């Protein structure tokens, strides 16, 4: 972040700070941040929204009982040659040894968990298309230090919201086809027989 003194100062605002466990911050999150910086240079226009999922906390720290988020998200929107593509990551605040692709989810699912509408100014036809599925094929993951097994033509269609609810919770379809919901503690609860 040495590109701007202003950017350096702004990154230390308290509004830009959220507790992360060391294994997460120095591991997969660092790899994702580095990859996104590469993409920002490589792609003409890249919009990045990052934050903690404040709905689910794993505890508190300090005298002021600062909440420690259980998950962090990063939502990306790329505009290239009049075409929009997007990705979303939802990663647990813990040491992770899986590839970044294991944490790809739909933007719709991050919106559901956070209550944030990330791209309300986009036309609905574009917003609905890019937020409802995971398409990683137009993104170059080769620059990440996390092991990746992906070809540019791969499409990932998992962790999308199912058209159903269970006990009031949004149901998601997992990578292997199983259905789950995220409970009030932020845990994935797989539905038996589904």
C-alpha atoms as a PDB file:
ATOM      1  CA  UNK A   1       0.000   0.000   0.000  1.00  0.00           C
ATOM      2  CA  UNK A   2       2.956   2.283  -0.502  1.00  0.00           C
ATOM      3  CA  UNK A   3       1.242   3.852  -3.538  1.00  0.00           C
ATOM      4  CA  UNK A   4      -0.325   6.655  -1.499  1.00  0.00           C
ATOM      5  CA  UNK A   5       0.263   8.272   1.859  1.00  0.00           C
ATOM      6  CA  UNK A   6      -3.492   8.902   2.125  1.00  0.00           C
ATOM      7  CA  UNK A   7      -4.269   5.227   1.508  1.00  0.00           C
ATOM      8  CA  UNK A   8      -1.766   4.226   4.172  1.00  0.00           C
ATOM      9  CA  UNK A   9      -3.369   6.553   6.730  1.00  0.00           C
ATOM     10  CA  UNK A  10      -6.911   5.452   5.832  1.00  0.00           C
ATOM     11  CA  UNK A  11      -6.112   1.772   6.315  1.00  0.00           C
ATOM     12  CA  UNK A  12      -5.543   2.451  10.032  1.00  0.00           C
ATOM     13  CA  UNK A  13      -8.946   4.047  10.714  1.00  0.00           C
ATOM     14  CA  UNK A  14     -10.811   2.164  13.404  1.00  0.00           C
ATOM     15  CA  UNK A  15     -13.683   1.752  10.923  1.00  0.00           C
ATOM     16  CA  UNK A  16     -11.271  -0.305   8.802  1.00  0.00           C
ATOM     17  CA  UNK A  17     -10.179  -2.638  11.591  1.00  0.00           C
ATOM     18  CA  UNK A  18     -11.758  -5.920  12.622  1.00  0.00           C
ATOM     19  CA  UNK A  19     -10.152  -8.668  14.747  1.00  0.00           C
ATOM     20  CA  UNK A  20      -8.688 -11.520  12.721  1.00  0.00           C
ATOM     21  CA  UNK A  21      -6.985 -14.611  14.058  1.00  0.00           C
ATOM     22  CA  UNK A  22      -3.259 -14.738  13.148  1.00  0.00           C
ATOM     23  CA  UNK A  23      -3.517 -17.974  11.141  1.00  0.00           C
ATOM     24  CA  UNK A  24      -6.312 -16.434   9.058  1.00  0.00           C
ATOM     25  CA  UNK A  25      -4.749 -12.983   8.647  1.00  0.00           C
ATOM     26  CA  UNK A  26      -1.293 -14.300   7.723  1.00  0.00           C
ATOM     27  CA  UNK A  27      -2.619 -17.188   5.649  1.00  0.00           C
ATOM     28  CA  UNK A  28      -5.574 -17.401   3.305  1.00  0.00           C
ATOM     29  CA  UNK A  29      -6.713 -13.793   3.870  1.00  0.00           C
ATOM     30  CA  UNK A  30      -3.253 -12.480   2.991  1.00  0.00           C
ATOM     31  CA  UNK A  31      -3.250 -14.630  -0.161  1.00  0.00           C
ATOM     32  CA  UNK A  32      -6.666 -13.336  -1.157  1.00  0.00           C
ATOM     33  CA  UNK A  33      -5.647  -9.716  -0.537  1.00  0.00           C
ATOM     34  CA  UNK A  34      -2.514 -10.176  -2.655  1.00  0.00           C
ATOM     35  CA  UNK A  35      -4.508 -11.813  -5.431  1.00  0.00           C
ATOM     36  CA  UNK A  36      -7.076  -9.009  -5.439  1.00  0.00           C
ATOM     37  CA  UNK A  37      -4.265  -6.436  -5.692  1.00  0.00           C
ATOM     38  CA  UNK A  38      -2.957  -8.316  -8.755  1.00  0.00           C
ATOM     39  CA  UNK A  39      -6.448  -8.356 -10.267  1.00  0.00           C
ATOM     40  CA  UNK A  40      -6.826  -4.615  -9.615  1.00  0.00           C
ATOM     41  CA  UNK A  41      -3.717  -4.023 -11.723  1.00  0.00           C
ATOM     42  CA  UNK A  42      -4.629  -6.589 -14.393  1.00  0.00           C
ATOM     43  CA  UNK A  43      -8.303  -5.723 -14.954  1.00  0.00           C
ATOM     44  CA  UNK A  44      -9.476  -2.326 -16.167  1.00  0.00           C
ATOM     45  CA  UNK A  45     -12.157  -1.756 -13.542  1.00  0.00           C
ATOM     46  CA  UNK A  46     -12.492  -3.728 -10.328  1.00  0.00           C
ATOM     47  CA  UNK A  47     -14.808  -2.892  -7.441  1.00  0.00           C
ATOM     48  CA  UNK A  48     -14.021  -4.553  -4.112  1.00  0.00           C
ATOM     49  CA  UNK A  49     -16.224  -4.723  -1.016  1.00  0.00           C
ATOM     50  CA  UNK A  50     -14.671  -6.350   2.054  1.00  0.00           C
ATOM     51  CA  UNK A  51     -15.853  -6.799   5.577  1.00  0.00           C
ATOM     52  CA  UNK A  52     -16.694  -8.934   8.580  1.00  0.00           C
ATOM     53  CA  UNK A  53     -19.976 -10.778   8.956  1.00  0.00           C
ATOM     54  CA  UNK A  54     -21.124  -9.071  12.129  1.00  0.00           C
ATOM     55  CA  UNK A  55     -24.171 -11.301  12.507  1.00  0.00           C
ATOM     56  CA  UNK A  56     -21.995 -14.212  13.645  1.00  0.00           C
ATOM     57  CA  UNK A  57     -19.251 -13.724  16.228  1.00  0.00           C
ATOM     58  CA  UNK A  58     -16.936 -16.272  17.784  1.00  0.00           C
ATOM     59  CA  UNK A  59     -16.355 -14.245  20.938  1.00  0.00           C
ATOM     60  CA  UNK A  60     -15.067 -10.904  22.148  1.00  0.00           C
ATOM     61  CA  UNK A  61     -11.666  -9.484  23.015  1.00  0.00           C
ATOM     62  CA  UNK A  62     -10.399  -6.705  25.222  1.00  0.00           C
ATOM     63  CA  UNK A  63     -11.839  -4.622  27.978  1.00  0.00           C
ATOM     64  CA  UNK A  64     -14.390  -3.103  25.587  1.00  0.00           C
ATOM     65  CA  UNK A  65     -15.521  -6.553  24.426  1.00  0.00           C
ATOM     66  CA  UNK A  66     -14.837  -6.018  20.734  1.00  0.00           C
ATOM     67  CA  UNK A  67     -16.649  -8.681  18.697  1.00  0.00           C
ATOM     68  CA  UNK A  68     -14.512 -11.204  16.822  1.00  0.00           C
ATOM     69  CA  UNK A  69     -16.288 -12.104  13.561  1.00  0.00           C
ATOM     70  CA  UNK A  70     -16.664 -15.758  12.679  1.00  0.00           C
ATOM     71  CA  UNK A  71     -16.524 -14.990   8.921  1.00  0.00           C
ATOM     72  CA  UNK A  72     -15.147 -12.385   6.548  1.00  0.00           C
ATOM     73  CA  UNK A  73     -16.310 -11.716   3.010  1.00  0.00           C
ATOM     74  CA  UNK A  74     -14.865 -10.168  -0.102  1.00  0.00           C
ATOM     75  CA  UNK A  75     -17.153  -9.329  -3.019  1.00  0.00           C
ATOM     76  CA  UNK A  76     -15.645  -8.359  -6.366  1.00  0.00           C
ATOM     77  CA  UNK A  77     -17.216  -6.810  -9.465  1.00  0.00           C
ATOM     78  CA  UNK A  78     -15.199  -6.639 -12.686  1.00  0.00           C
ATOM     79  CA  UNK A  79     -16.224  -4.497 -15.638  1.00  0.00           C
ATOM     80  CA  UNK A  80     -14.396  -5.351 -18.826  1.00  0.00           C
ATOM     81  CA  UNK A  81     -15.415  -4.684 -22.441  1.00  0.00           C
ATOM     82  CA  UNK A  82     -18.996  -3.837 -21.450  1.00  0.00           C
ATOM     83  CA  UNK A  83     -19.275  -7.130 -19.555  1.00  0.00           C
ATOM     84  CA  UNK A  84     -19.820  -7.559 -15.819  1.00  0.00           C
ATOM     85  CA  UNK A  85     -18.500 -10.570 -13.903  1.00  0.00           C
ATOM     86  CA  UNK A  86     -18.391 -11.005 -10.166  1.00  0.00           C
ATOM     87  CA  UNK A  87     -17.078 -13.245  -7.394  1.00  0.00           C
ATOM     88  CA  UNK A  88     -17.723 -13.561  -3.684  1.00  0.00           C
ATOM     89  CA  UNK A  89     -15.667 -15.242  -0.987  1.00  0.00           C
ATOM     90  CA  UNK A  90     -16.949 -16.181   2.464  1.00  0.00           C
ATOM     91  CA  UNK A  91     -14.081 -17.397   4.639  1.00  0.00           C
ATOM     92  CA  UNK A  92     -14.097 -18.470   8.293  1.00  0.00           C
ATOM     93  CA  UNK A  93     -11.862 -16.420  10.600  1.00  0.00           C
ATOM     94  CA  UNK A  94      -9.487 -19.328  11.245  1.00  0.00           C
ATOM     95  CA  UNK A  95      -6.421 -20.941   9.738  1.00  0.00           C
ATOM     96  CA  UNK A  96      -7.508 -22.411   6.398  1.00  0.00           C
ATOM     97  CA  UNK A  97      -5.483 -24.785   4.234  1.00  0.00           C
ATOM     98  CA  UNK A  98      -7.936 -25.168   1.357  1.00  0.00           C
ATOM     99  CA  UNK A  99      -7.745 -23.385  -1.985  1.00  0.00           C
ATOM    100  CA  UNK A 100      -9.489 -20.051  -2.321  1.00  0.00           C
ATOM    101  CA  UNK A 101     -12.038 -21.637  -4.659  1.00  0.00           C
ATOM    102  CA  UNK A 102     -13.402 -23.675  -1.740  1.00  0.00           C
ATOM    103  CA  UNK A 103     -14.677 -20.410  -0.274  1.00  0.00           C
ATOM    104  CA  UNK A 104     -16.407 -19.090  -3.381  1.00  0.00           C
ATOM    105  CA  UNK A 105     -20.102 -18.483  -2.795  1.00  0.00           C
ATOM    106  CA  UNK A 106     -22.804 -16.561  -4.579  1.00  0.00           C
ATOM    107  CA  UNK A 107     -23.114 -12.873  -3.901  1.00  0.00           C
ATOM    108  CA  UNK A 108     -26.759 -13.585  -3.094  1.00  0.00           C
ATOM    109  CA  UNK A 109     -25.635 -15.782  -0.195  1.00  0.00           C
ATOM    110  CA  UNK A 110     -23.309 -13.069   1.184  1.00  0.00           C
ATOM    111  CA  UNK A 111     -26.128 -10.539   0.831  1.00  0.00           C
ATOM    112  CA  UNK A 112     -28.431 -12.866   2.758  1.00  0.00           C
ATOM    113  CA  UNK A 113     -25.932 -13.338   5.592  1.00  0.00           C
ATOM    114  CA  UNK A 114     -24.889  -9.664   5.835  1.00  0.00           C
ATOM    115  CA  UNK A 115     -28.114  -7.886   4.921  1.00  0.00           C
ATOM    116  CA  UNK A 116     -26.160  -5.744   2.429  1.00  0.00           C
ATOM    117  CA  UNK A 117     -27.236  -5.164  -1.190  1.00  0.00           C
ATOM    118  CA  UNK A 118     -23.811  -4.822  -2.800  1.00  0.00           C
ATOM    119  CA  UNK A 119     -24.677  -3.569  -6.286  1.00  0.00           C
ATOM    120  CA  UNK A 120     -28.093  -1.869  -6.121  1.00  0.00           C
ATOM    121  CA  UNK A 121     -27.269   0.560  -8.944  1.00  0.00           C
ATOM    122  CA  UNK A 122     -26.778  -2.175 -11.545  1.00  0.00           C
ATOM    123  CA  UNK A 123     -29.711  -2.959 -13.818  1.00  0.00           C
ATOM    124  CA  UNK A 124     -31.685  -5.850 -12.273  1.00  0.00           C
ATOM    125  CA  UNK A 125     -31.007  -8.132 -15.248  1.00  0.00           C
ATOM    126  CA  UNK A 126     -27.239  -7.818 -14.712  1.00  0.00           C
ATOM    127  CA  UNK A 127     -27.458  -7.851 -10.903  1.00  0.00           C
ATOM    128  CA  UNK A 128     -29.595 -11.009 -10.871  1.00  0.00           C
ATOM    129  CA  UNK A 129     -27.279 -12.802 -13.312  1.00  0.00           C
ATOM    130  CA  UNK A 130     -23.979 -12.060 -11.573  1.00  0.00           C
ATOM    131  CA  UNK A 131     -25.232 -12.431  -7.992  1.00  0.00           C
ATOM    132  CA  UNK A 132     -27.057 -15.751  -8.365  1.00  0.00           C
ATOM    133  CA  UNK A 133     -24.195 -18.022  -9.451  1.00  0.00           C
ATOM    134  CA  UNK A 134     -20.476 -18.539  -9.053  1.00  0.00           C
ATOM    135  CA  UNK A 135     -18.504 -18.226 -12.271  1.00  0.00           C
ATOM    136  CA  UNK A 136     -14.784 -18.272 -11.629  1.00  0.00           C
ATOM    137  CA  UNK A 137     -13.751 -19.073 -15.202  1.00  0.00           C
ATOM    138  CA  UNK A 138     -13.054 -15.441 -16.123  1.00  0.00           C
ATOM    139  CA  UNK A 139     -10.744 -14.847 -13.179  1.00  0.00           C
ATOM    140  CA  UNK A 140      -7.034 -15.712 -13.156  1.00  0.00           C
ATOM    141  CA  UNK A 141      -6.259 -17.585  -9.939  1.00  0.00           C
ATOM    142  CA  UNK A 142      -2.737 -18.523 -11.061  1.00  0.00           C
ATOM    143  CA  UNK A 143      -1.129 -15.695  -9.064  1.00  0.00           C
ATOM    144  CA  UNK A 144      -2.225 -16.975  -5.660  1.00  0.00           C
ATOM    145  CA  UNK A 145       0.120 -18.713  -3.242  1.00  0.00           C
ATOM    146  CA  UNK A 146      -2.730 -21.023  -2.185  1.00  0.00           C
ATOM    147  CA  UNK A 147      -2.767 -24.253  -4.211  1.00  0.00           C
ATOM    148  CA  UNK A 148      -5.272 -24.008  -7.010  1.00  0.00           C
ATOM    149  CA  UNK A 149      -6.563 -26.595  -9.460  1.00  0.00           C
ATOM    150  CA  UNK A 150      -8.634 -24.582 -11.900  1.00  0.00           C
ATOM    151  CA  UNK A 151      -8.715 -24.098 -15.651  1.00  0.00           C
ATOM    152  CA  UNK A 152      -9.939 -20.817 -17.076  1.00  0.00           C
ATOM    153  CA  UNK A 153     -13.006 -22.543 -18.482  1.00  0.00           C
ATOM    154  CA  UNK A 154     -14.152 -24.009 -15.152  1.00  0.00           C
ATOM    155  CA  UNK A 155     -17.459 -22.775 -13.782  1.00  0.00           C
ATOM    156  CA  UNK A 156     -18.373 -23.230 -10.153  1.00  0.00           C
ATOM    157  CA  UNK A 157     -22.098 -23.525  -9.423  1.00  0.00           C
ATOM    158  CA  UNK A 158     -22.283 -24.299  -5.721  1.00  0.00           C
ATOM    159  CA  UNK A 159     -23.204 -22.658  -2.457  1.00  0.00           C
ATOM    160  CA  UNK A 160     -26.103 -21.033  -4.171  1.00  0.00           C
ATOM    161  CA  UNK A 161     -29.295 -20.314  -2.334  1.00  0.00           C
ATOM    162  CA  UNK A 162     -31.885 -23.052  -2.798  1.00  0.00           C
ATOM    163  CA  UNK A 163     -35.437 -21.989  -3.460  1.00  0.00           C
ATOM    164  CA  UNK A 164     -36.497 -22.987   0.040  1.00  0.00           C
ATOM    165  CA  UNK A 165     -36.198 -22.171   3.719  1.00  0.00           C
ATOM    166  CA  UNK A 166     -35.811 -24.395   6.769  1.00  0.00           C
ATOM    167  CA  UNK A 167     -37.127 -23.102  10.108  1.00  0.00           C
ATOM    168  CA  UNK A 168     -36.920 -19.587   8.654  1.00  0.00           C
ATOM    169  CA  UNK A 169     -33.293 -19.942   7.504  1.00  0.00           C
ATOM    170  CA  UNK A 170     -32.220 -19.641   3.878  1.00  0.00           C
ATOM    171  CA  UNK A 171     -31.141 -23.050   2.557  1.00  0.00           C
ATOM    172  CA  UNK A 172     -27.990 -23.289   0.426  1.00  0.00           C
ATOM    173  CA  UNK A 173     -26.780 -26.027  -1.916  1.00  0.00           C
ATOM    174  CA  UNK A 174     -23.230 -27.091  -1.029  1.00  0.00           C
ATOM    175  CA  UNK A 175     -20.333 -28.129  -3.269  1.00  0.00           C
ATOM    176  CA  UNK A 176     -21.297 -31.797  -3.236  1.00  0.00           C
ATOM    177  CA  UNK A 177     -25.009 -31.186  -3.652  1.00  0.00           C
ATOM    178  CA  UNK A 178     -25.939 -31.393   0.039  1.00  0.00           C
ATOM    179  CA  UNK A 179     -28.234 -28.737   1.453  1.00  0.00           C
ATOM    180  CA  UNK A 180     -27.465 -26.696   4.551  1.00  0.00           C
ATOM    181  CA  UNK A 181     -28.402 -23.531   6.391  1.00  0.00           C
ATOM    182  CA  UNK A 182     -26.312 -21.227   8.578  1.00  0.00           C
ATOM    183  CA  UNK A 183     -27.641 -21.190  12.146  1.00  0.00           C
ATOM    184  CA  UNK A 184     -27.630 -18.306  14.632  1.00  0.00           C
ATOM    185  CA  UNK A 185     -24.107 -19.215  15.738  1.00  0.00           C
ATOM    186  CA  UNK A 186     -22.810 -18.980  12.162  1.00  0.00           C
ATOM    187  CA  UNK A 187     -22.370 -22.726  11.720  1.00  0.00           C
ATOM    188  CA  UNK A 188     -23.318 -24.649   8.601  1.00  0.00           C
ATOM    189  CA  UNK A 189     -25.980 -27.208   9.518  1.00  0.00           C
ATOM    190  CA  UNK A 190     -26.489 -29.843   6.830  1.00  0.00           C
ATOM    191  CA  UNK A 191     -30.011 -31.120   6.331  1.00  0.00           C
ATOM    192  CA  UNK A 192     -30.306 -34.897   6.519  1.00  0.00           C
ATOM    193  CA  UNK A 193     -31.819 -36.653   3.547  1.00  0.00           C
ATOM    194  CA  UNK A 194     -31.618 -33.581   1.322  1.00  0.00           C
END
